[in-house]
C-alpha atoms as a PDB file:
ATOM      1  CA  MET A   1       0.114  -0.149   0.417  1.00  0.00           C
ATOM      2  CA  ALA A   2       1.102   3.509  -0.950  1.00  0.00           C
ATOM      3  CA  ARG A   3      -0.035   6.949  -0.595  1.00  0.00           C
ATOM      4  CA  ILE A   4       1.910   8.012  -4.002  1.00  0.00           C
ATOM      5  CA  VAL A   5       1.597   6.066  -7.067  1.00  0.00           C
ATOM      6  CA  GLY A   6       4.304   7.580 -10.207  1.00  0.00           C
ATOM      7  CA  VAL A   7       3.935   6.402 -13.461  1.00  0.00           C
ATOM      8  CA  HIS A   8       7.141   6.870 -15.944  1.00  0.00           C
ATOM      9  CA  GLY A   9       7.078   8.174 -19.377  1.00  0.00           C
ATOM     10  CA  ILE A  10       9.155   7.166 -22.424  1.00  0.00           C
ATOM     11  CA  GLY A  11      12.684   5.964 -22.206  1.00  0.00           C
ATOM     12  CA  TRP A  12      12.457   3.347 -19.368  1.00  0.00           C
ATOM     13  CA  SER A  13      12.742   0.122 -21.803  1.00  0.00           C
ATOM     14  CA  TRP A  14      15.879  -1.089 -20.088  1.00  0.00           C
ATOM     15  CA  LYS A  15      15.466   0.113 -16.744  1.00  0.00           C
ATOM     16  CA  SER A  16      13.804  -2.044 -13.731  1.00  0.00           C
ATOM     17  CA  ARG A  17      11.331  -1.102 -11.075  1.00  0.00           C
ATOM     18  CA  GLU A  18      13.649  -0.953  -8.588  1.00  0.00           C
ATOM     19  CA  GLU A  19      15.569   1.646 -10.404  1.00  0.00           C
ATOM     20  CA  MET A  20      12.359   3.436 -10.906  1.00  0.00           C
ATOM     21  CA  HIS A  21      11.425   3.229  -7.349  1.00  0.00           C
ATOM     22  CA  GLU A  22      15.008   4.330  -5.850  1.00  0.00           C
ATOM     23  CA  THR A  23      15.064   7.341  -8.550  1.00  0.00           C
ATOM     24  CA  TRP A  24      11.596   8.605  -8.131  1.00  0.00           C
ATOM     25  CA  HIS A  25      11.362   8.068  -4.443  1.00  0.00           C
ATOM     26  CA  GLY A  26      14.484   9.936  -3.933  1.00  0.00           C
ATOM     27  CA  ALA A  27      13.625  12.955  -5.881  1.00  0.00           C
ATOM     28  CA  LEU A  28      10.344  13.269  -4.519  1.00  0.00           C
ATOM     29  CA  SER A  29      11.734  12.973  -1.095  1.00  0.00           C
ATOM     30  CA  THR A  30      13.912  15.563  -1.809  1.00  0.00           C
ATOM     31  CA  GLY A  31      11.704  17.766  -3.101  1.00  0.00           C
ATOM     32  CA  LEU A  32       9.364  17.383   0.189  1.00  0.00           C
ATOM     33  CA  ARG A  33      12.562  18.096   2.032  1.00  0.00           C
ATOM     34  CA  ASN A  34      13.092  21.387   0.550  1.00  0.00           C
ATOM     35  CA  ILE A  35       9.766  22.981   1.447  1.00  0.00           C
ATOM     36  CA  ARG A  36      10.258  21.172   4.769  1.00  0.00           C
ATOM     37  CA  TYR A  37       7.280  18.529   4.524  1.00  0.00           C
ATOM     38  CA  PRO A  38       7.671  17.137   8.432  1.00  0.00           C
ATOM     39  CA  ASP A  39       7.201  13.661   6.720  1.00  0.00           C
ATOM     40  CA  ALA A  40       9.313  13.617   3.952  1.00  0.00           C
ATOM     41  CA  GLY A  41      11.045  10.538   5.103  1.00  0.00           C
ATOM     42  CA  ALA A  42       8.048   8.575   5.582  1.00  0.00           C
ATOM     43  CA  VAL A  43       5.990   8.878   2.255  1.00  0.00           C
ATOM     44  CA  THR A  44       5.073   5.648   0.647  1.00  0.00           C
ATOM     45  CA  PHE A  45       5.761   5.363  -2.879  1.00  0.00           C
ATOM     46  CA  GLU A  46       4.779   2.481  -5.516  1.00  0.00           C
ATOM     47  CA  ALA A  47       6.436   2.485  -9.073  1.00  0.00           C
ATOM     48  CA  ALA A  48       3.874   1.782 -11.993  1.00  0.00           C
ATOM     49  CA  PHE A  49       6.593   0.471 -14.308  1.00  0.00           C
ATOM     50  CA  TYR A  50       5.732  -0.798 -17.606  1.00  0.00           C
ATOM     51  CA  GLY A  51       9.251   0.091 -19.711  1.00  0.00           C
ATOM     52  CA  HIS A  52       9.892  -3.901 -19.869  1.00  0.00           C
ATOM     53  CA  LEU A  53       6.550  -4.188 -21.634  1.00  0.00           C
ATOM     54  CA  TYR A  54       8.081  -2.564 -24.788  1.00  0.00           C
ATOM     55  CA  ASN A  55      10.879  -5.263 -24.827  1.00  0.00           C
ATOM     56  CA  GLY A  56       8.469  -8.168 -26.101  1.00  0.00           C
ATOM     57  CA  GLY A  57       7.444  -6.253 -29.225  1.00  0.00           C
ATOM     58  CA  THR A  58       9.078  -5.253 -32.452  1.00  0.00           C
ATOM     59  CA  GLY A  59      11.446  -2.838 -33.613  1.00  0.00           C
ATOM     60  CA  LYS A  60      15.380  -2.282 -33.581  1.00  0.00           C
ATOM     61  CA  SER A  61      17.125  -3.089 -30.611  1.00  0.00           C
ATOM     62  CA  GLY A  62      20.112  -1.534 -28.910  1.00  0.00           C
ATOM     63  CA  GLY A  63      22.866  -3.500 -31.513  1.00  0.00           C
ATOM     64  CA  ASP A  64      20.779  -3.212 -34.618  1.00  0.00           C
ATOM     65  CA  VAL A  65      21.063  -0.438 -37.371  1.00  0.00           C
ATOM     66  CA  LEU A  66      20.250   2.802 -35.842  1.00  0.00           C
ATOM     67  CA  TYR A  67      17.008   4.637 -36.878  1.00  0.00           C
ATOM     68  CA  THR A  68      16.899   7.220 -39.627  1.00  0.00           C
ATOM     69  CA  ALA A  69      14.358   9.856 -41.047  1.00  0.00           C
ATOM     70  CA  ALA A  70      13.121   6.856 -43.219  1.00  0.00           C
ATOM     71  CA  ASP A  71      11.669   5.115 -40.301  1.00  0.00           C
ATOM     72  CA  VAL A  72       9.237   8.003 -39.149  1.00  0.00           C
ATOM     73  CA  ALA A  73       6.017   7.041 -40.186  1.00  0.00           C
ATOM     74  CA  ASP A  74       3.499   9.425 -42.103  1.00  0.00           C
ATOM     75  CA  GLY A  75       0.810  10.706 -39.652  1.00  0.00           C
ATOM     76  CA  PHE A  76       1.024  10.557 -36.103  1.00  0.00           C
ATOM     77  CA  GLU A  77       4.820  10.085 -35.900  1.00  0.00           C
ATOM     78  CA  TYR A  78       5.449  12.865 -38.344  1.00  0.00           C
ATOM     79  CA  GLU A  79       3.079  15.049 -36.472  1.00  0.00           C
ATOM     80  CA  LEU A  80       4.755  14.419 -33.208  1.00  0.00           C
ATOM     81  CA  LEU A  81       8.288  15.013 -34.554  1.00  0.00           C
ATOM     82  CA  GLU A  82       7.096  18.275 -36.836  1.00  0.00           C
ATOM     83  CA  ALA A  83       5.399  19.688 -33.722  1.00  0.00           C
ATOM     84  CA  MET A  84       8.860  19.092 -31.744  1.00  0.00           C
ATOM     85  CA  ALA A  85      10.645  20.888 -34.548  1.00  0.00           C
ATOM     86  CA  ARG A  86       8.395  23.472 -34.226  1.00  0.00           C
ATOM     87  CA  GLU A  87       8.457  24.606 -30.952  1.00  0.00           C
ATOM     88  CA  ALA A  88      12.532  24.404 -30.686  1.00  0.00           C
ATOM     89  CA  ASP A  89      12.793  26.875 -33.805  1.00  0.00           C
ATOM     90  CA  PRO A  90       9.565  28.318 -34.863  1.00  0.00           C
ATOM     91  CA  ALA A  91      11.642  30.569 -37.410  1.00  0.00           C
ATOM     92  CA  ALA A  92      12.472  27.287 -39.436  1.00  0.00           C
ATOM     93  CA  PHE A  93       8.818  27.042 -40.305  1.00  0.00           C
ATOM     94  CA  ASP A  94       7.903  30.627 -41.378  1.00  0.00           C
ATOM     95  CA  GLU A  95       7.577  29.557 -45.161  1.00  0.00           C
ATOM     96  CA  GLU A  96       4.438  27.505 -45.312  1.00  0.00           C
ATOM     97  CA  SER A  97       5.021  24.118 -46.998  1.00  0.00           C
ATOM     98  CA  ALA A  98       2.421  21.538 -48.249  1.00  0.00           C
ATOM     99  CA  GLU A  99       1.531  18.554 -46.392  1.00  0.00           C
ATOM    100  CA  PRO A 100       3.546  15.375 -47.205  1.00  0.00           C
ATOM    101  CA  ALA A 101       2.016  13.652 -50.265  1.00  0.00           C
ATOM    102  CA  SER A 102       4.583  10.772 -50.369  1.00  0.00           C
ATOM    103  CA  LYS A 103       7.022   8.746 -48.527  1.00  0.00           C
ATOM    104  CA  GLY A 104       9.691  10.698 -50.273  1.00  0.00           C
ATOM    105  CA  LEU A 105       8.431  13.802 -48.775  1.00  0.00           C
ATOM    106  CA  VAL A 106       7.796  12.472 -45.317  1.00  0.00           C
ATOM    107  CA  VAL A 107      11.584  11.321 -45.267  1.00  0.00           C
ATOM    108  CA  ARG A 108      12.838  14.873 -46.709  1.00  0.00           C
ATOM    109  CA  GLY A 109      10.587  16.712 -43.948  1.00  0.00           C
ATOM    110  CA  ALA A 110      11.223  14.191 -41.241  1.00  0.00           C
ATOM    111  CA  GLN A 111      15.243  15.178 -41.766  1.00  0.00           C
ATOM    112  CA  ALA A 112      14.560  18.428 -41.683  1.00  0.00           C
ATOM    113  CA  CYS A 113      12.864  18.307 -38.490  1.00  0.00           C
ATOM    114  CA  LEU A 114      15.557  16.073 -37.286  1.00  0.00           C
ATOM    115  CA  ASP A 115      18.286  18.621 -38.532  1.00  0.00           C
ATOM    116  CA  ILE A 116      16.557  21.525 -36.759  1.00  0.00           C
ATOM    117  CA  LEU A 117      16.670  19.495 -33.479  1.00  0.00           C
ATOM    118  CA  GLU A 118      19.746  18.441 -33.611  1.00  0.00           C
ATOM    119  CA  ARG A 119      21.313  21.940 -34.035  1.00  0.00           C
ATOM    120  CA  THR A 120      19.147  23.175 -30.842  1.00  0.00           C
ATOM    121  CA  PRO A 121      19.874  22.405 -27.387  1.00  0.00           C
ATOM    122  CA  TYR A 122      16.752  20.952 -26.628  1.00  0.00           C
ATOM    123  CA  LEU A 123      17.684  17.147 -26.853  1.00  0.00           C
ATOM    124  CA  GLY A 124      20.443  17.163 -24.354  1.00  0.00           C
ATOM    125  CA  GLY A 125      22.751  15.171 -26.189  1.00  0.00           C
ATOM    126  CA  MET A 126      19.920  12.542 -27.277  1.00  0.00           C
ATOM    127  CA  THR A 127      20.580  11.224 -30.960  1.00  0.00           C
ATOM    128  CA  ALA A 128      18.093  11.087 -33.604  1.00  0.00           C
ATOM    129  CA  SER A 129      17.978   7.655 -33.477  1.00  0.00           C
ATOM    130  CA  LEU A 130      16.955   7.738 -29.878  1.00  0.00           C
ATOM    131  CA  LEU A 131      14.607  10.326 -30.574  1.00  0.00           C
ATOM    132  CA  ILE A 132      12.722   8.512 -32.813  1.00  0.00           C
ATOM    133  CA  ARG A 133      12.689   5.352 -30.827  1.00  0.00           C
ATOM    134  CA  GLN A 134      10.624   6.982 -28.232  1.00  0.00           C
ATOM    135  CA  ILE A 135       8.204   8.605 -30.630  1.00  0.00           C
ATOM    136  CA  LYS A 136       7.631   5.099 -32.022  1.00  0.00           C
ATOM    137  CA  GLN A 137       7.098   4.187 -28.309  1.00  0.00           C
ATOM    138  CA  VAL A 138       4.423   7.014 -28.039  1.00  0.00           C
ATOM    139  CA  HIS A 139       2.779   5.865 -31.444  1.00  0.00           C
ATOM    140  CA  ARG A 140       2.693   2.151 -30.228  1.00  0.00           C
ATOM    141  CA  TYR A 141       0.938   2.771 -26.965  1.00  0.00           C
ATOM    142  CA  PHE A 142      -2.072   4.106 -29.089  1.00  0.00           C
ATOM    143  CA  ALA A 143      -1.433   1.516 -32.136  1.00  0.00           C
ATOM    144  CA  ASP A 144      -1.125  -1.749 -29.983  1.00  0.00           C
ATOM    145  CA  PRO A 145      -4.114  -1.972 -28.076  1.00  0.00           C
ATOM    146  CA  ALA A 146      -2.992  -5.209 -26.005  1.00  0.00           C
ATOM    147  CA  LEU A 147       0.134  -3.156 -25.100  1.00  0.00           C
ATOM    148  CA  GLY A 148      -2.001  -0.321 -24.309  1.00  0.00           C
ATOM    149  CA  GLN A 149      -4.141  -2.370 -22.245  1.00  0.00           C
ATOM    150  CA  GLU A 150      -0.849  -3.744 -20.316  1.00  0.00           C
ATOM    151  CA  ILE A 151       0.452  -0.683 -19.445  1.00  0.00           C
ATOM    152  CA  ARG A 152      -2.761   0.636 -18.116  1.00  0.00           C
ATOM    153  CA  GLY A 153      -3.218  -2.479 -16.202  1.00  0.00           C
ATOM    154  CA  GLU A 154       0.112  -2.016 -14.575  1.00  0.00           C
ATOM    155  CA  LEU A 155      -0.983   1.372 -13.093  1.00  0.00           C
ATOM    156  CA  GLU A 156      -4.660   0.270 -12.269  1.00  0.00           C
ATOM    157  CA  THR A 157      -2.744  -2.631 -10.062  1.00  0.00           C
ATOM    158  CA  ALA A 158      -0.582   0.247  -8.233  1.00  0.00           C
ATOM    159  CA  ILE A 159      -3.635   2.130  -7.449  1.00  0.00           C
ATOM    160  CA  GLN A 160      -4.872   1.124  -3.998  1.00  0.00           C
ATOM    161  CA  GLU A 161      -7.646   2.440  -1.770  1.00  0.00           C
ATOM    162  CA  ASP A 162      -5.374   4.432   0.121  1.00  0.00           C
ATOM    163  CA  THR A 163      -3.761   5.802  -2.994  1.00  0.00           C
ATOM    164  CA  GLN A 164      -3.864   9.685  -2.429  1.00  0.00           C
ATOM    165  CA  VAL A 165      -1.429  11.120  -5.538  1.00  0.00           C
ATOM    166  CA  VAL A 166      -0.998   9.772  -8.806  1.00  0.00           C
ATOM    167  CA  LEU A 167       2.391  11.572 -10.260  1.00  0.00           C
ATOM    168  CA  ALA A 168       2.506  10.975 -14.155  1.00  0.00           C
ATOM    169  CA  HIS A 169       5.528  11.879 -16.268  1.00  0.00           C
ATOM    170  CA  SER A 170       5.415  12.643 -20.098  1.00  0.00           C
ATOM    171  CA  LEU A 171       3.430   9.189 -21.705  1.00  0.00           C
ATOM    172  CA  GLY A 172       2.606   8.250 -18.309  1.00  0.00           C
ATOM    173  CA  SER A 173       0.292  11.278 -17.929  1.00  0.00           C
ATOM    174  CA  VAL A 174      -1.605  10.107 -21.020  1.00  0.00           C
ATOM    175  CA  ALA A 175      -2.049   6.296 -19.166  1.00  0.00           C
ATOM    176  CA  ALA A 176      -3.049   8.245 -15.963  1.00  0.00           C
ATOM    177  CA  TYR A 177      -5.646  10.081 -17.652  1.00  0.00           C
ATOM    178  CA  GLU A 178      -7.075   7.291 -19.422  1.00  0.00           C
ATOM    179  CA  VAL A 179      -6.896   4.943 -16.164  1.00  0.00           C
ATOM    180  CA  LEU A 180      -8.351   7.426 -14.000  1.00  0.00           C
ATOM    181  CA  TRP A 181     -11.437   7.876 -16.410  1.00  0.00           C
ATOM    182  CA  ASN A 182     -12.242   4.749 -15.974  1.00  0.00           C
ATOM    183  CA  LEU A 183     -11.819   4.165 -12.156  1.00  0.00           C
ATOM    184  CA  LYS A 184     -15.150   3.775 -10.417  1.00  0.00           C
ATOM    185  CA  ASP A 185     -14.196   2.578  -6.699  1.00  0.00           C
ATOM    186  CA  VAL A 186     -11.118   4.933  -6.069  1.00  0.00           C
ATOM    187  CA  ARG A 187     -11.048   8.457  -5.355  1.00  0.00           C
ATOM    188  CA  ILE A 188      -7.581  10.024  -5.959  1.00  0.00           C
ATOM    189  CA  ASP A 189      -7.083  13.417  -4.301  1.00  0.00           C
ATOM    190  CA  THR A 190      -4.516  14.903  -6.700  1.00  0.00           C
ATOM    191  CA  LEU A 191      -3.150  14.002 -10.115  1.00  0.00           C
ATOM    192  CA  VAL A 192       0.163  15.749 -11.209  1.00  0.00           C
ATOM    193  CA  THR A 193       1.111  15.379 -14.811  1.00  0.00           C
ATOM    194  CA  MET A 194       4.589  16.527 -15.675  1.00  0.00           C
ATOM    195  CA  GLY A 195       5.939  17.178 -18.897  1.00  0.00           C
ATOM    196  CA  SER A 196       2.751  15.957 -20.114  1.00  0.00           C
ATOM    197  CA  PRO A 197       1.950  15.624 -24.241  1.00  0.00           C
ATOM    198  CA  LEU A 198      -1.895  15.770 -23.205  1.00  0.00           C
ATOM    199  CA  GLY A 199      -2.191  19.303 -24.728  1.00  0.00           C
ATOM    200  CA  LEU A 200      -1.282  18.071 -28.200  1.00  0.00           C
ATOM    201  CA  LYS A 201      -4.084  17.540 -30.670  1.00  0.00           C
ATOM    202  CA  SER A 202      -2.780  14.279 -32.082  1.00  0.00           C
ATOM    203  CA  ILE A 203      -2.862  13.102 -28.423  1.00  0.00           C
ATOM    204  CA  GLN A 204      -6.246  14.445 -27.574  1.00  0.00           C
ATOM    205  CA  ARG A 205      -7.736  12.696 -30.765  1.00  0.00           C
ATOM    206  CA  ARG A 206      -6.670   9.333 -29.224  1.00  0.00           C
ATOM    207  CA  LEU A 207      -7.636   9.583 -25.648  1.00  0.00           C
ATOM    208  CA  ALA A 208     -10.144   6.870 -24.247  1.00  0.00           C
ATOM    209  CA  ARG A 209     -12.659   8.208 -21.957  1.00  0.00           C
ATOM    210  CA  SER A 210     -16.314   7.818 -21.264  1.00  0.00           C
ATOM    211  CA  ALA A 211     -18.266   8.156 -24.810  1.00  0.00           C
ATOM    212  CA  GLU A 212     -20.370  10.736 -23.606  1.00  0.00           C
ATOM    213  CA  ALA A 213     -17.899  12.874 -22.016  1.00  0.00           C
ATOM    214  CA  GLU A 214     -16.405  16.205 -22.928  1.00  0.00           C
ATOM    215  CA  PRO A 215     -12.508  16.250 -22.022  1.00  0.00           C
ATOM    216  CA  GLY A 216     -12.098  17.222 -18.306  1.00  0.00           C
ATOM    217  CA  ARG A 217     -10.737  16.295 -15.266  1.00  0.00           C
ATOM    218  CA  PRO A 218     -11.229  12.309 -14.509  1.00  0.00           C
ATOM    219  CA  PRO A 219     -14.230  12.094 -12.216  1.00  0.00           C
ATOM    220  CA  SER A 220     -11.994   9.768 -10.064  1.00  0.00           C
ATOM    221  CA  VAL A 221      -9.794  12.542  -9.435  1.00  0.00           C
ATOM    222  CA  ARG A 222     -10.463  15.926  -6.975  1.00  0.00           C
ATOM    223  CA  ARG A 223      -7.542  17.981  -8.367  1.00  0.00           C
ATOM    224  CA  TRP A 224      -5.506  18.193 -11.203  1.00  0.00           C
ATOM    225  CA  VAL A 225      -2.097  19.943 -11.307  1.00  0.00           C
ATOM    226  CA  ASN A 226      -0.036  20.030 -14.337  1.00  0.00           C
ATOM    227  CA  VAL A 227       3.507  21.023 -14.268  1.00  0.00           C
ATOM    228  CA  ALA A 228       5.226  21.825 -17.760  1.00  0.00           C
ATOM    229  CA  ALA A 229       8.894  23.235 -18.126  1.00  0.00           C
ATOM    230  CA  GLU A 230       9.252  26.273 -20.299  1.00  0.00           C
ATOM    231  CA  GLN A 231      11.889  24.366 -22.544  1.00  0.00           C
ATOM    232  CA  ASP A 232      10.342  21.207 -22.536  1.00  0.00           C
ATOM    233  CA  VAL A 233       9.295  20.198 -26.255  1.00  0.00           C
ATOM    234  CA  VAL A 234       7.452  17.168 -25.175  1.00  0.00           C
ATOM    235  CA  ALA A 235       5.244  19.356 -23.202  1.00  0.00           C
ATOM    236  CA  LEU A 236       4.075  21.534 -25.943  1.00  0.00           C
ATOM    237  CA  ARG A 237       1.300  23.013 -25.139  1.00  0.00           C
ATOM    238  CA  LYS A 238       2.342  24.250 -21.480  1.00  0.00           C
ATOM    239  CA  ARG A 239      -1.266  25.513 -20.281  1.00  0.00           C
ATOM    240  CA  ILE A 240      -3.880  22.766 -20.789  1.00  0.00           C
ATOM    241  CA  LYS A 241      -6.462  24.331 -18.742  1.00  0.00           C
ATOM    242  CA  THR A 242      -8.528  25.720 -21.368  1.00  0.00           C
ATOM    243  CA  LEU A 243      -8.449  21.955 -23.474  1.00  0.00           C
ATOM    244  CA  TYR A 244     -10.030  20.170 -20.326  1.00  0.00           C
ATOM    245  CA  GLY A 245     -12.737  22.239 -19.117  1.00  0.00           C
ATOM    246  CA  GLY A 246     -10.905  24.874 -16.873  1.00  0.00           C
ATOM    247  CA  GLU A 247     -10.132  22.165 -14.383  1.00  0.00           C
ATOM    248  CA  VAL A 248      -6.482  21.892 -14.546  1.00  0.00           C
ATOM    249  CA  GLU A 249      -4.109  24.047 -12.378  1.00  0.00           C
ATOM    250  CA  ASP A 250      -1.266  24.929 -14.889  1.00  0.00           C
ATOM    251  CA  PHE A 251       2.285  25.713 -13.579  1.00  0.00           C
ATOM    252  CA  VAL A 252       4.826  26.794 -16.071  1.00  0.00           C
ATOM    253  CA  VAL A 253       8.538  25.938 -14.566  1.00  0.00           C
ATOM    254  CA  THR A 254      12.147  26.296 -15.487  1.00  0.00           C
ATOM    255  CA  ASN A 255      14.307  23.311 -16.241  1.00  0.00           C
ATOM    256  CA  PRO A 256      17.897  23.232 -17.257  1.00  0.00           C
ATOM    257  CA  LEU A 257      17.832  23.222 -21.259  1.00  0.00           C
ATOM    258  CA  ARG A 258      19.667  20.010 -21.748  1.00  0.00           C
ATOM    259  CA  HIS A 259      17.700  18.104 -19.028  1.00  0.00           C
ATOM    260  CA  MET A 260      14.207  19.967 -19.854  1.00  0.00           C
ATOM    261  CA  HIS A 261      12.322  16.599 -19.813  1.00  0.00           C
ATOM    262  CA  ASP A 262      13.932  14.873 -16.957  1.00  0.00           C
ATOM    263  CA  CYS A 263      11.656  13.087 -14.386  1.00  0.00           C
ATOM    264  CA  THR A 264      13.829  13.758 -11.541  1.00  0.00           C
ATOM    265  CA  LEU A 265      13.850  17.529 -12.117  1.00  0.00           C
ATOM    266  CA  TYR A 266       9.809  17.572 -12.364  1.00  0.00           C
ATOM    267  CA  LEU A 267       9.918  15.507  -8.840  1.00  0.00           C
ATOM    268  CA  THR A 268      11.906  17.925  -7.162  1.00  0.00           C
ATOM    269  CA  ASN A 269      10.215  21.078  -8.478  1.00  0.00           C
ATOM    270  CA  LEU A 270       8.615  23.359  -6.084  1.00  0.00           C
ATOM    271  CA  ARG A 271       5.165  22.788  -7.652  1.00  0.00           C
ATOM    272  CA  THR A 272       5.122  19.337  -7.462  1.00  0.00           C
ATOM    273  CA  ALA A 273       6.267  19.028  -3.991  1.00  0.00           C
ATOM    274  CA  ARG A 274       3.386  21.770  -2.800  1.00  0.00           C
ATOM    275  CA  ALA A 275       0.791  19.592  -4.759  1.00  0.00           C
ATOM    276  CA  VAL A 276       1.886  16.684  -2.869  1.00  0.00           C
ATOM    277  CA  GLU A 277       2.344  18.114   0.318  1.00  0.00           C
ATOM    278  CA  ALA A 278      -1.594  19.689   0.156  1.00  0.00           C
ATOM    279  CA  ALA A 279      -2.561  16.373  -0.907  1.00  0.00           C
ATOM    280  CA  LEU A 280      -1.021  14.438   2.004  1.00  0.00           C
ATOM    281  CA  GLY A 281      -1.612  16.836   4.692  1.00  0.00           C
END
């Protein structure tokens, strides 16, 4: 039983549940100690870890030929890549261009986007191949129903009756949103989304929730706090309140440019710590 449950984002395929628990619990405790929360050392935490689920599918492994622009699929994957490039360097898109009409144009467009991202500090040393791999992880969450269900099932198992806070980073915030829409018997005090892509139209279109419901705060959640770093190109839409019925508390924060999407920086952030403190009392 844990009062706080955390669900990670992309890039944890070759890590472990133990590593996530140690990293997240440590960063969270640091943030709580920074605000002098008296019970920081006693906070219980459960890791909703799903990284290993990506190891059982198809795709290039670490030892294979690296991903290139030619591996970026038209549609969802290209949309995400282009959106990131636009956020990193808006001036590069001043001249309007037509939508890709063939795979050749998609490849050239994807390569142009990768060139933009690689010449900015936003990737923090991340290679183009790794970036494409992570975009494909997001795509697979939606395109592979069995995988998506397993990921959501991991979070559903982690959440128990005494869970008061769900901390969700990156792709984990998408899974948390969908899970918390469907939980009937559990009441969560606070959902904290960190570095979330929930503001992207391409993500919103694919979200699962009650068919008759408008986008909004999941009914199993009392309070929704969204923390997005100004420099984070994954959280492209920093303020998502207007997209979700006005029931989100948005906080735009600052992360070091080369670590703009780092989960530990979000977990130690003042806004995250205060949201957790308010929920735990």
